[in-house]
Amino acid sequence: YHIVPLVFLTLRYRRPQSGSDIKREGKLVSVHCGHVPQLVPISDAAVAYRLICKRVDALVRGRDSVAELAVPACPGWTIRQVVAHLAGVTQDIVALNLEKKGTAPWADAQVARLGEHGIDDLLNLWAQSLDSVSANLAFASDTGVCQLVFDTLTHEHDIRGALGEPGSRSSDLAFKAALRSEERRVGKECRS
């Protein structure tokens, strides 16, 4: 069995003995071996990324009292540290500090660098980098861009979970970009 995170949803799937479909508890899941989902275009993914940034901003700006709330989906991190990571990702993209992207040491360095800033300052840092990040996304792979959206959307919902304020789970471009990224990853895993 493999565990596949899908924004507040965990699918347990197994590779069937025959055929190419992934099964979950005996039922077909929408990801199929041999099927490579189409990723959303980079321009749509960049719009989705900005949308998530605006939603996180609206969710926590001016709420200093929530800064130190633990984020259960990110053990050892507070809301402030998750926002520091999100702002740090943009700084690292702009600085082309991507050698260890997606690793725990990379994220921990972002939190160490920015984790003592206030939430509003972190949101401002994140927002200030959006134009530069969007420019850099034009040179990135479709997979990398959609993975950025997936990670950012996941952290939006990590914060929402900590606050007990669900929302924006499946009805917009951000979700579509994130889901396509994860479908593609699962499809590659299945084919290997």
N, C-alpha and C. Protein backbone atom coordinates (compact mmCIF):
# COMPACT_ATOMS: atom_id res chain seq x y z
N TYR A 1 0.83 -1.19 0.00
CA TYR A 1 0.00 0.00 0.00
C TYR A 1 0.87 1.25 0.00
N HIS A 2 0.36 2.30 -0.61
CA HIS A 2 1.01 3.60 -0.62
C HIS A 2 0.04 4.60 -0.02
N ILE A 3 0.56 5.64 0.61
CA ILE A 3 -0.27 6.72 1.12
C ILE A 3 -0.08 7.90 0.18
N VAL A 4 -1.18 8.46 -0.30
CA VAL A 4 -1.14 9.58 -1.23
C VAL A 4 -1.91 10.74 -0.61
N PRO A 5 -1.21 11.83 -0.19
CA PRO A 5 -1.93 12.95 0.41
C PRO A 5 -2.65 13.75 -0.68
N LEU A 6 -3.89 14.09 -0.44
CA LEU A 6 -4.65 14.94 -1.37
C LEU A 6 -5.41 15.98 -0.57
N VAL A 7 -4.74 17.03 -0.14
CA VAL A 7 -5.36 18.16 0.53
C VAL A 7 -6.46 17.72 1.50
N PHE A 8 -6.08 17.36 2.69
CA PHE A 8 -7.01 16.93 3.73
C PHE A 8 -7.63 15.58 3.45
N LEU A 9 -7.17 14.89 2.45
CA LEU A 9 -7.75 13.61 2.08
C LEU A 9 -6.61 12.64 1.88
N THR A 10 -6.67 11.50 2.48
CA THR A 10 -5.63 10.50 2.26
C THR A 10 -6.27 9.30 1.61
N LEU A 11 -5.73 8.93 0.47
CA LEU A 11 -6.19 7.74 -0.22
C LEU A 11 -5.23 6.60 0.08
N ARG A 12 -5.74 5.47 0.38
CA ARG A 12 -4.92 4.28 0.46
C ARG A 12 -5.23 3.50 -0.80
N TYR A 13 -4.19 3.23 -1.58
CA TYR A 13 -4.45 2.50 -2.79
C TYR A 13 -3.45 1.37 -2.92
N ARG A 14 -3.80 0.39 -3.71
CA ARG A 14 -2.88 -0.70 -3.95
C ARG A 14 -2.81 -0.94 -5.44
N ARG A 15 -1.68 -1.43 -5.85
CA ARG A 15 -1.51 -1.80 -7.25
C ARG A 15 -2.20 -3.14 -7.46
N PRO A 16 -3.19 -3.19 -8.34
CA PRO A 16 -3.89 -4.45 -8.55
C PRO A 16 -2.97 -5.51 -9.13
N GLN A 17 -3.36 -6.75 -8.96
CA GLN A 17 -2.56 -7.85 -9.49
C GLN A 17 -2.55 -7.84 -11.01
N SER A 18 -3.63 -7.41 -11.63
CA SER A 18 -3.68 -7.32 -13.08
C SER A 18 -4.46 -6.08 -13.45
N GLY A 19 -4.29 -5.62 -14.68
CA GLY A 19 -4.97 -4.41 -15.11
C GLY A 19 -4.16 -3.19 -14.73
N SER A 20 -4.67 -2.04 -15.11
CA SER A 20 -3.89 -0.83 -14.90
C SER A 20 -4.56 0.18 -13.99
N ASP A 21 -5.67 -0.16 -13.39
CA ASP A 21 -6.35 0.78 -12.52
C ASP A 21 -5.86 0.66 -11.09
N ILE A 22 -5.79 1.78 -10.41
CA ILE A 22 -5.48 1.79 -8.99
C ILE A 22 -6.80 1.57 -8.27
N LYS A 23 -6.79 0.70 -7.28
CA LYS A 23 -8.03 0.40 -6.56
C LYS A 23 -7.91 0.90 -5.14
N ARG A 24 -9.00 1.37 -4.61
CA ARG A 24 -9.08 1.78 -3.22
C ARG A 24 -10.24 1.02 -2.62
N GLU A 25 -9.94 0.18 -1.67
CA GLU A 25 -10.96 -0.62 -1.02
C GLU A 25 -11.87 -1.27 -2.04
N GLY A 26 -11.27 -1.80 -3.12
CA GLY A 26 -12.01 -2.51 -4.12
C GLY A 26 -12.69 -1.65 -5.17
N LYS A 27 -12.59 -0.31 -5.04
CA LYS A 27 -13.24 0.57 -5.99
C LYS A 27 -12.18 1.35 -6.77
N LEU A 28 -12.47 1.66 -8.01
CA LEU A 28 -11.52 2.40 -8.84
C LEU A 28 -11.36 3.81 -8.33
N VAL A 29 -10.12 4.29 -8.35
CA VAL A 29 -9.79 5.67 -8.03
C VAL A 29 -9.52 6.35 -9.36
N SER A 30 -9.64 7.67 -9.41
CA SER A 30 -9.55 8.38 -10.68
C SER A 30 -8.17 8.40 -11.30
N VAL A 31 -7.17 7.92 -10.62
CA VAL A 31 -5.82 7.87 -11.16
C VAL A 31 -5.58 6.49 -11.74
N HIS A 32 -5.14 6.42 -12.97
CA HIS A 32 -4.94 5.14 -13.63
C HIS A 32 -3.49 4.99 -14.06
N CYS A 33 -2.95 3.79 -13.90
CA CYS A 33 -1.60 3.51 -14.38
C CYS A 33 -1.61 3.69 -15.90
N GLY A 34 -0.57 4.28 -16.42
CA GLY A 34 -0.47 4.47 -17.86
C GLY A 34 -1.16 5.73 -18.33
N HIS A 35 -1.98 6.36 -17.50
CA HIS A 35 -2.68 7.59 -17.85
C HIS A 35 -1.92 8.75 -17.24
N VAL A 36 -1.47 9.69 -18.06
CA VAL A 36 -0.76 10.86 -17.57
C VAL A 36 -1.71 12.05 -17.63
N PRO A 37 -2.18 12.52 -16.48
CA PRO A 37 -3.11 13.64 -16.48
C PRO A 37 -2.46 14.89 -17.06
N GLN A 38 -3.26 15.71 -17.68
CA GLN A 38 -2.78 16.98 -18.20
C GLN A 38 -2.66 17.96 -17.04
N LEU A 39 -1.51 18.59 -16.92
CA LEU A 39 -1.35 19.63 -15.92
C LEU A 39 -1.97 20.91 -16.45
N VAL A 40 -2.39 21.78 -15.54
CA VAL A 40 -2.91 23.05 -16.00
C VAL A 40 -1.74 23.86 -16.55
N PRO A 41 -1.99 24.77 -17.50
CA PRO A 41 -0.90 25.59 -18.04
C PRO A 41 -0.24 26.42 -16.94
N ILE A 42 1.03 26.75 -17.15
CA ILE A 42 1.77 27.53 -16.15
C ILE A 42 1.05 28.83 -15.82
N SER A 43 0.47 29.48 -16.82
CA SER A 43 -0.23 30.74 -16.55
C SER A 43 -1.40 30.53 -15.59
N ASP A 44 -2.13 29.43 -15.75
CA ASP A 44 -3.23 29.12 -14.83
C ASP A 44 -2.70 28.77 -13.44
N ALA A 45 -1.61 28.03 -13.40
CA ALA A 45 -1.02 27.67 -12.12
C ALA A 45 -0.53 28.91 -11.38
N ALA A 46 0.03 29.87 -12.11
CA ALA A 46 0.49 31.12 -11.48
C ALA A 46 -0.70 31.89 -10.92
N VAL A 47 -1.81 31.91 -11.63
CA VAL A 47 -3.03 32.56 -11.13
C VAL A 47 -3.52 31.82 -9.88
N ALA A 48 -3.49 30.50 -9.92
CA ALA A 48 -3.92 29.70 -8.77
C ALA A 48 -3.05 29.98 -7.56
N TYR A 49 -1.75 30.10 -7.78
CA TYR A 49 -0.81 30.38 -6.69
C TYR A 49 -1.14 31.73 -6.04
N ARG A 50 -1.39 32.74 -6.85
CA ARG A 50 -1.76 34.06 -6.33
C ARG A 50 -3.08 33.99 -5.55
N LEU A 51 -4.01 33.20 -6.05
CA LEU A 51 -5.30 33.04 -5.38
C LEU A 51 -5.11 32.48 -3.97
N ILE A 52 -4.26 31.48 -3.85
CA ILE A 52 -4.01 30.88 -2.53
C ILE A 52 -3.36 31.90 -1.61
N CYS A 53 -2.40 32.65 -2.14
CA CYS A 53 -1.74 33.68 -1.33
C CYS A 53 -2.77 34.67 -0.79
N LYS A 54 -3.69 35.10 -1.63
CA LYS A 54 -4.73 36.04 -1.20
C LYS A 54 -5.63 35.41 -0.14
N ARG A 55 -5.95 34.14 -0.30
CA ARG A 55 -6.82 33.48 0.69
C ARG A 55 -6.12 33.34 2.04
N VAL A 56 -4.83 32.97 2.02
CA VAL A 56 -4.09 32.84 3.28
C VAL A 56 -3.99 34.21 3.94
N ASP A 57 -3.73 35.23 3.14
CA ASP A 57 -3.65 36.60 3.66
C ASP A 57 -4.96 36.97 4.34
N ALA A 58 -6.08 36.74 3.66
CA ALA A 58 -7.39 37.07 4.23
C ALA A 58 -7.68 36.25 5.49
N LEU A 59 -7.14 35.06 5.56
CA LEU A 59 -7.39 34.16 6.67
C LEU A 59 -6.66 34.58 7.94
N VAL A 60 -5.42 35.08 7.83
CA VAL A 60 -4.62 35.32 9.04
C VAL A 60 -4.14 36.76 9.23
N ARG A 61 -4.26 37.63 8.24
CA ARG A 61 -3.80 39.01 8.42
C ARG A 61 -4.56 39.68 9.57
N GLY A 62 -3.78 40.36 10.41
CA GLY A 62 -4.37 41.07 11.54
C GLY A 62 -4.79 40.18 12.70
N ARG A 63 -4.42 38.92 12.64
CA ARG A 63 -4.81 37.99 13.70
C ARG A 63 -3.58 37.50 14.46
N ASP A 64 -2.86 38.43 15.06
CA ASP A 64 -1.64 38.08 15.79
C ASP A 64 -1.89 37.02 16.86
N SER A 65 -3.11 36.98 17.37
CA SER A 65 -3.43 36.03 18.44
C SER A 65 -3.35 34.57 17.99
N VAL A 66 -3.36 34.32 16.68
CA VAL A 66 -3.30 32.93 16.21
C VAL A 66 -1.89 32.50 15.83
N ALA A 67 -0.95 33.42 15.88
CA ALA A 67 0.41 33.14 15.40
C ALA A 67 1.05 31.91 16.03
N GLU A 68 0.82 31.71 17.30
CA GLU A 68 1.49 30.62 18.01
C GLU A 68 0.64 29.35 18.14
N LEU A 69 -0.50 29.33 17.45
CA LEU A 69 -1.30 28.09 17.46
C LEU A 69 -0.54 26.99 16.75
N ALA A 70 -0.56 25.82 17.34
CA ALA A 70 0.09 24.66 16.71
C ALA A 70 -0.70 24.25 15.47
N VAL A 71 0.02 23.78 14.47
CA VAL A 71 -0.59 23.29 13.23
C VAL A 71 -0.44 21.77 13.26
N PRO A 72 -1.50 21.05 13.63
CA PRO A 72 -1.40 19.59 13.78
C PRO A 72 -0.88 18.87 12.54
N ALA A 73 -1.20 19.37 11.36
CA ALA A 73 -0.74 18.71 10.13
C ALA A 73 0.74 18.95 9.85
N CYS A 74 1.34 19.87 10.59
CA CYS A 74 2.78 20.18 10.45
C CYS A 74 3.41 20.11 11.84
N PRO A 75 3.67 18.90 12.32
CA PRO A 75 4.16 18.74 13.69
C PRO A 75 5.37 19.62 14.00
N GLY A 76 5.26 20.32 15.11
CA GLY A 76 6.35 21.18 15.56
C GLY A 76 6.27 22.60 15.01
N TRP A 77 5.33 22.84 14.12
CA TRP A 77 5.19 24.18 13.54
C TRP A 77 3.94 24.87 14.05
N THR A 78 4.05 26.20 14.15
CA THR A 78 2.92 27.06 14.47
C THR A 78 2.42 27.69 13.17
N ILE A 79 1.31 28.40 13.28
CA ILE A 79 0.81 29.11 12.09
C ILE A 79 1.86 30.09 11.58
N ARG A 80 2.53 30.80 12.49
CA ARG A 80 3.58 31.74 12.08
C ARG A 80 4.67 31.00 11.28
N GLN A 81 5.05 29.83 11.71
CA GLN A 81 6.11 29.09 11.03
C GLN A 81 5.67 28.57 9.66
N VAL A 82 4.41 28.19 9.53
CA VAL A 82 3.90 27.77 8.22
C VAL A 82 3.93 28.96 7.26
N VAL A 83 3.49 30.13 7.73
CA VAL A 83 3.51 31.32 6.88
C VAL A 83 4.96 31.72 6.57
N ALA A 84 5.86 31.53 7.53
CA ALA A 84 7.29 31.79 7.27
C ALA A 84 7.80 30.88 6.16
N HIS A 85 7.40 29.63 6.19
CA HIS A 85 7.79 28.69 5.13
C HIS A 85 7.25 29.16 3.78
N LEU A 86 5.98 29.56 3.73
CA LEU A 86 5.38 30.01 2.47
C LEU A 86 6.11 31.24 1.93
N ALA A 87 6.43 32.18 2.81
CA ALA A 87 7.19 33.37 2.38
C ALA A 87 8.61 32.98 1.98
N GLY A 88 9.19 32.05 2.72
CA GLY A 88 10.55 31.60 2.42
C GLY A 88 10.66 30.88 1.09
N VAL A 89 9.64 30.13 0.74
CA VAL A 89 9.64 29.47 -0.57
C VAL A 89 9.76 30.50 -1.67
N THR A 90 8.98 31.59 -1.56
CA THR A 90 9.06 32.61 -2.62
C THR A 90 10.44 33.26 -2.66
N GLN A 91 11.00 33.53 -1.50
CA GLN A 91 12.35 34.11 -1.48
C GLN A 91 13.35 33.16 -2.13
N ASP A 92 13.25 31.89 -1.84
CA ASP A 92 14.18 30.91 -2.40
C ASP A 92 13.98 30.74 -3.90
N ILE A 93 12.74 30.83 -4.37
CA ILE A 93 12.51 30.76 -5.82
C ILE A 93 13.16 31.95 -6.51
N VAL A 94 12.96 33.14 -5.97
CA VAL A 94 13.53 34.35 -6.56
C VAL A 94 15.06 34.29 -6.54
N ALA A 95 15.63 33.79 -5.44
CA ALA A 95 17.09 33.70 -5.29
C ALA A 95 17.67 32.47 -6.01
N LEU A 96 16.78 31.66 -6.59
CA LEU A 96 17.18 30.40 -7.25
C LEU A 96 17.90 29.46 -6.29
N ASN A 97 17.50 29.51 -5.03
CA ASN A 97 18.00 28.60 -4.01
C ASN A 97 17.10 27.36 -4.02
N LEU A 98 17.29 26.52 -5.02
CA LEU A 98 16.38 25.41 -5.23
C LEU A 98 17.04 24.04 -5.18
N GLU A 99 18.32 24.02 -4.85
CA GLU A 99 19.04 22.75 -4.86
C GLU A 99 18.40 21.70 -3.94
N LYS A 100 17.94 22.13 -2.78
CA LYS A 100 17.34 21.18 -1.83
C LYS A 100 15.83 21.37 -1.73
N LYS A 101 15.22 21.93 -2.79
CA LYS A 101 13.78 22.23 -2.74
C LYS A 101 12.96 21.00 -2.37
N GLY A 102 11.94 21.26 -1.58
CA GLY A 102 11.05 20.19 -1.19
C GLY A 102 11.55 19.30 -0.07
N THR A 103 12.71 19.60 0.48
CA THR A 103 13.26 18.77 1.56
C THR A 103 13.01 19.44 2.91
N ALA A 104 13.07 18.66 3.96
CA ALA A 104 12.91 19.20 5.31
C ALA A 104 13.99 20.24 5.64
N PRO A 105 15.27 20.01 5.30
CA PRO A 105 16.27 21.04 5.61
C PRO A 105 15.99 22.37 4.89
N TRP A 106 15.47 22.31 3.67
CA TRP A 106 15.14 23.52 2.92
C TRP A 106 14.04 24.29 3.64
N ALA A 107 12.97 23.60 4.04
CA ALA A 107 11.86 24.24 4.75
C ALA A 107 12.31 24.74 6.12
N ASP A 108 13.11 23.94 6.82
CA ASP A 108 13.58 24.35 8.15
C ASP A 108 14.44 25.60 8.07
N ALA A 109 15.24 25.74 7.02
CA ALA A 109 16.06 26.94 6.84
C ALA A 109 15.18 28.17 6.62
N GLN A 110 14.09 28.00 5.90
CA GLN A 110 13.16 29.12 5.69
C GLN A 110 12.54 29.55 7.01
N VAL A 111 12.11 28.58 7.80
CA VAL A 111 11.50 28.90 9.09
C VAL A 111 12.52 29.53 10.03
N ALA A 112 13.75 29.03 10.02
CA ALA A 112 14.79 29.60 10.87
C ALA A 112 15.08 31.05 10.46
N ARG A 113 15.07 31.30 9.18
CA ARG A 113 15.39 32.63 8.63
C ARG A 113 14.26 33.63 8.89
N LEU A 114 13.01 33.19 8.84
CA LEU A 114 11.88 34.13 8.87
C LEU A 114 10.91 33.92 10.02
N GLY A 115 11.08 32.86 10.78
CA GLY A 115 10.09 32.46 11.77
C GLY A 115 9.82 33.41 12.91
N GLU A 116 10.66 34.39 13.11
CA GLU A 116 10.44 35.34 14.21
C GLU A 116 9.69 36.59 13.76
N HIS A 117 9.45 36.73 12.46
CA HIS A 117 8.67 37.87 11.96
C HIS A 117 7.22 37.70 12.35
N GLY A 118 6.51 38.81 12.45
CA GLY A 118 5.07 38.77 12.68
C GLY A 118 4.36 38.24 11.43
N ILE A 119 3.15 37.75 11.63
CA ILE A 119 2.40 37.19 10.51
C ILE A 119 2.19 38.23 9.41
N ASP A 120 1.79 39.44 9.76
CA ASP A 120 1.55 40.45 8.74
C ASP A 120 2.83 40.77 7.96
N ASP A 121 3.97 40.82 8.65
CA ASP A 121 5.24 41.06 7.95
C ASP A 121 5.55 39.91 6.99
N LEU A 122 5.28 38.69 7.42
CA LEU A 122 5.51 37.53 6.56
C LEU A 122 4.60 37.56 5.33
N LEU A 123 3.34 37.92 5.55
CA LEU A 123 2.41 38.04 4.43
C LEU A 123 2.87 39.12 3.45
N ASN A 124 3.41 40.22 3.99
CA ASN A 124 3.92 41.28 3.12
C ASN A 124 5.14 40.80 2.32
N LEU A 125 6.03 40.07 2.97
CA LEU A 125 7.20 39.51 2.27
C LEU A 125 6.76 38.57 1.15
N TRP A 126 5.79 37.74 1.45
CA TRP A 126 5.27 36.80 0.46
C TRP A 126 4.67 37.56 -0.72
N ALA A 127 3.82 38.53 -0.42
CA ALA A 127 3.16 39.30 -1.48
C ALA A 127 4.16 40.08 -2.33
N GLN A 128 5.21 40.61 -1.70
CA GLN A 128 6.23 41.38 -2.43
C GLN A 128 6.99 40.52 -3.43
N SER A 129 7.04 39.23 -3.19
CA SER A 129 7.79 38.32 -4.07
C SER A 129 6.94 37.73 -5.20
N LEU A 130 5.63 37.95 -5.17
CA LEU A 130 4.75 37.28 -6.12
C LEU A 130 5.07 37.59 -7.58
N ASP A 131 5.36 38.84 -7.90
CA ASP A 131 5.66 39.17 -9.30
C ASP A 131 6.94 38.47 -9.76
N SER A 132 7.96 38.49 -8.92
CA SER A 132 9.22 37.84 -9.27
C SER A 132 9.04 36.32 -9.39
N VAL A 133 8.27 35.76 -8.49
CA VAL A 133 8.01 34.31 -8.56
C VAL A 133 7.28 33.99 -9.85
N SER A 134 6.27 34.78 -10.18
CA SER A 134 5.52 34.54 -11.42
C SER A 134 6.43 34.60 -12.64
N ALA A 135 7.37 35.53 -12.64
CA ALA A 135 8.32 35.62 -13.75
C ALA A 135 9.19 34.37 -13.82
N ASN A 136 9.63 33.87 -12.67
CA ASN A 136 10.47 32.67 -12.64
C ASN A 136 9.68 31.41 -13.02
N LEU A 137 8.39 31.40 -12.74
CA LEU A 137 7.58 30.23 -13.06
C LEU A 137 7.54 29.97 -14.56
N ALA A 138 7.70 31.03 -15.35
CA ALA A 138 7.69 30.88 -16.80
C ALA A 138 8.83 29.98 -17.28
N PHE A 139 9.88 29.86 -16.47
CA PHE A 139 11.05 29.05 -16.85
C PHE A 139 11.05 27.69 -16.17
N ALA A 140 10.05 27.43 -15.34
CA ALA A 140 10.00 26.17 -14.59
C ALA A 140 9.20 25.13 -15.38
N SER A 141 9.34 23.90 -14.95
CA SER A 141 8.56 22.81 -15.58
C SER A 141 7.11 22.91 -15.13
N ASP A 142 6.21 22.41 -15.96
CA ASP A 142 4.80 22.36 -15.57
C ASP A 142 4.63 21.61 -14.26
N THR A 143 5.34 20.51 -14.13
CA THR A 143 5.25 19.69 -12.92
C THR A 143 5.69 20.48 -11.70
N GLY A 144 6.81 21.21 -11.82
CA GLY A 144 7.31 21.99 -10.69
C GLY A 144 6.36 23.09 -10.27
N VAL A 145 5.76 23.74 -11.25
CA VAL A 145 4.82 24.82 -10.95
C VAL A 145 3.58 24.27 -10.27
N CYS A 146 3.04 23.19 -10.80
CA CYS A 146 1.84 22.61 -10.18
C CYS A 146 2.16 22.04 -8.79
N GLN A 147 3.39 21.55 -8.59
CA GLN A 147 3.79 21.08 -7.27
C GLN A 147 3.82 22.24 -6.28
N LEU A 148 4.28 23.41 -6.73
CA LEU A 148 4.28 24.60 -5.87
C LEU A 148 2.84 24.92 -5.45
N VAL A 149 1.92 24.87 -6.39
CA VAL A 149 0.51 25.14 -6.07
C VAL A 149 0.00 24.08 -5.10
N PHE A 150 0.33 22.82 -5.34
CA PHE A 150 -0.11 21.74 -4.45
C PHE A 150 0.38 21.97 -3.02
N ASP A 151 1.67 22.26 -2.88
CA ASP A 151 2.25 22.47 -1.55
C ASP A 151 1.61 23.67 -0.86
N THR A 152 1.43 24.74 -1.60
CA THR A 152 0.88 25.95 -1.02
C THR A 152 -0.58 25.75 -0.62
N LEU A 153 -1.34 25.09 -1.47
CA LEU A 153 -2.74 24.80 -1.15
C LEU A 153 -2.83 23.88 0.08
N THR A 154 -1.95 22.91 0.14
CA THR A 154 -1.93 22.02 1.30
C THR A 154 -1.69 22.82 2.57
N HIS A 155 -0.74 23.75 2.54
CA HIS A 155 -0.46 24.55 3.73
C HIS A 155 -1.60 25.52 4.06
N GLU A 156 -2.30 25.99 3.04
CA GLU A 156 -3.50 26.80 3.33
C GLU A 156 -4.46 25.97 4.19
N HIS A 157 -4.66 24.74 3.80
CA HIS A 157 -5.60 23.89 4.54
C HIS A 157 -5.01 23.40 5.87
N ASP A 158 -3.69 23.31 5.97
CA ASP A 158 -3.07 23.04 7.27
C ASP A 158 -3.43 24.16 8.25
N ILE A 159 -3.31 25.41 7.76
CA ILE A 159 -3.65 26.57 8.59
C ILE A 159 -5.14 26.57 8.91
N ARG A 160 -5.97 26.32 7.92
CA ARG A 160 -7.42 26.26 8.15
C ARG A 160 -7.76 25.20 9.20
N GLY A 161 -7.07 24.06 9.15
CA GLY A 161 -7.31 23.01 10.13
C GLY A 161 -6.94 23.46 11.53
N ALA A 162 -5.82 24.16 11.66
CA ALA A 162 -5.40 24.65 12.97
C ALA A 162 -6.39 25.67 13.52
N LEU A 163 -6.99 26.45 12.62
CA LEU A 163 -7.95 27.47 13.04
C LEU A 163 -9.37 26.93 13.18
N GLY A 164 -9.60 25.73 12.66
CA GLY A 164 -10.95 25.19 12.65
C GLY A 164 -11.86 25.97 11.70
N GLU A 165 -11.27 26.46 10.60
CA GLU A 165 -12.02 27.27 9.63
C GLU A 165 -11.86 26.68 8.23
N PRO A 166 -12.59 25.61 7.93
CA PRO A 166 -12.47 24.99 6.60
C PRO A 166 -13.01 25.91 5.51
N GLY A 167 -12.63 25.60 4.29
CA GLY A 167 -13.14 26.36 3.15
C GLY A 167 -12.28 26.16 1.93
N SER A 168 -12.79 26.54 0.77
CA SER A 168 -12.03 26.52 -0.49
C SER A 168 -11.34 25.19 -0.75
N ARG A 169 -12.08 24.11 -0.62
CA ARG A 169 -11.46 22.80 -0.76
C ARG A 169 -11.43 22.24 -2.17
N SER A 170 -12.41 22.56 -2.99
CA SER A 170 -12.43 21.83 -4.26
C SER A 170 -13.04 22.57 -5.44
N SER A 171 -13.35 23.82 -5.32
CA SER A 171 -14.15 24.44 -6.37
C SER A 171 -13.41 25.46 -7.22
N ASP A 172 -12.10 25.51 -7.18
CA ASP A 172 -11.44 26.56 -7.94
C ASP A 172 -10.19 26.06 -8.66
N LEU A 173 -9.55 26.98 -9.36
CA LEU A 173 -8.38 26.67 -10.16
C LEU A 173 -7.22 26.15 -9.30
N ALA A 174 -7.08 26.66 -8.10
CA ALA A 174 -6.00 26.20 -7.22
C ALA A 174 -6.13 24.72 -6.93
N PHE A 175 -7.32 24.28 -6.62
CA PHE A 175 -7.54 22.86 -6.35
C PHE A 175 -7.27 22.04 -7.60
N LYS A 176 -7.73 22.51 -8.75
CA LYS A 176 -7.52 21.78 -10.00
C LYS A 176 -6.02 21.62 -10.30
N ALA A 177 -5.25 22.70 -10.14
CA ALA A 177 -3.81 22.62 -10.40
C ALA A 177 -3.13 21.67 -9.43
N ALA A 178 -3.51 21.74 -8.17
CA ALA A 178 -2.91 20.87 -7.16
C ALA A 178 -3.26 19.42 -7.40
N LEU A 179 -4.53 19.16 -7.70
CA LEU A 179 -4.96 17.79 -7.93
C LEU A 179 -4.26 17.18 -9.14
N ARG A 180 -4.14 17.94 -10.21
CA ARG A 180 -3.47 17.43 -11.40
C ARG A 180 -2.02 17.09 -11.11
N SER A 181 -1.36 17.91 -10.29
CA SER A 181 0.02 17.62 -9.92
C SER A 181 0.11 16.30 -9.18
N GLU A 182 -0.79 16.09 -8.25
CA GLU A 182 -0.76 14.86 -7.45
C GLU A 182 -1.16 13.66 -8.30
N GLU A 183 -2.13 13.81 -9.18
CA GLU A 183 -2.51 12.71 -10.07
C GLU A 183 -1.31 12.30 -10.93
N ARG A 184 -0.58 13.27 -11.40
CA ARG A 184 0.58 12.99 -12.25
C ARG A 184 1.65 12.24 -11.44
N ARG A 185 1.89 12.68 -10.20
CA ARG A 185 2.89 12.03 -9.35
C ARG A 185 2.50 10.59 -9.08
N VAL A 186 1.24 10.37 -8.76
CA VAL A 186 0.77 9.02 -8.47
C VAL A 186 0.88 8.15 -9.72
N GLY A 187 0.53 8.71 -10.86
CA GLY A 187 0.63 7.97 -12.12
C GLY A 187 2.05 7.54 -12.40
N LYS A 188 3.03 8.42 -12.16
CA LYS A 188 4.45 8.07 -12.36
C LYS A 188 4.87 6.98 -11.40
N GLU A 189 4.42 7.10 -10.14
CA GLU A 189 4.76 6.10 -9.12
C GLU A 189 4.18 4.75 -9.53
N CYS A 190 2.99 4.76 -10.06
CA CYS A 190 2.33 3.53 -10.44
C CYS A 190 3.05 2.86 -11.62
N ARG A 191 3.54 3.69 -12.55
CA ARG A 191 4.22 3.14 -13.73
C ARG A 191 5.60 2.61 -13.41
N SER A 192 6.19 3.04 -12.32
CA SER A 192 7.56 2.60 -12.01
C SER A 192 7.60 1.25 -11.32
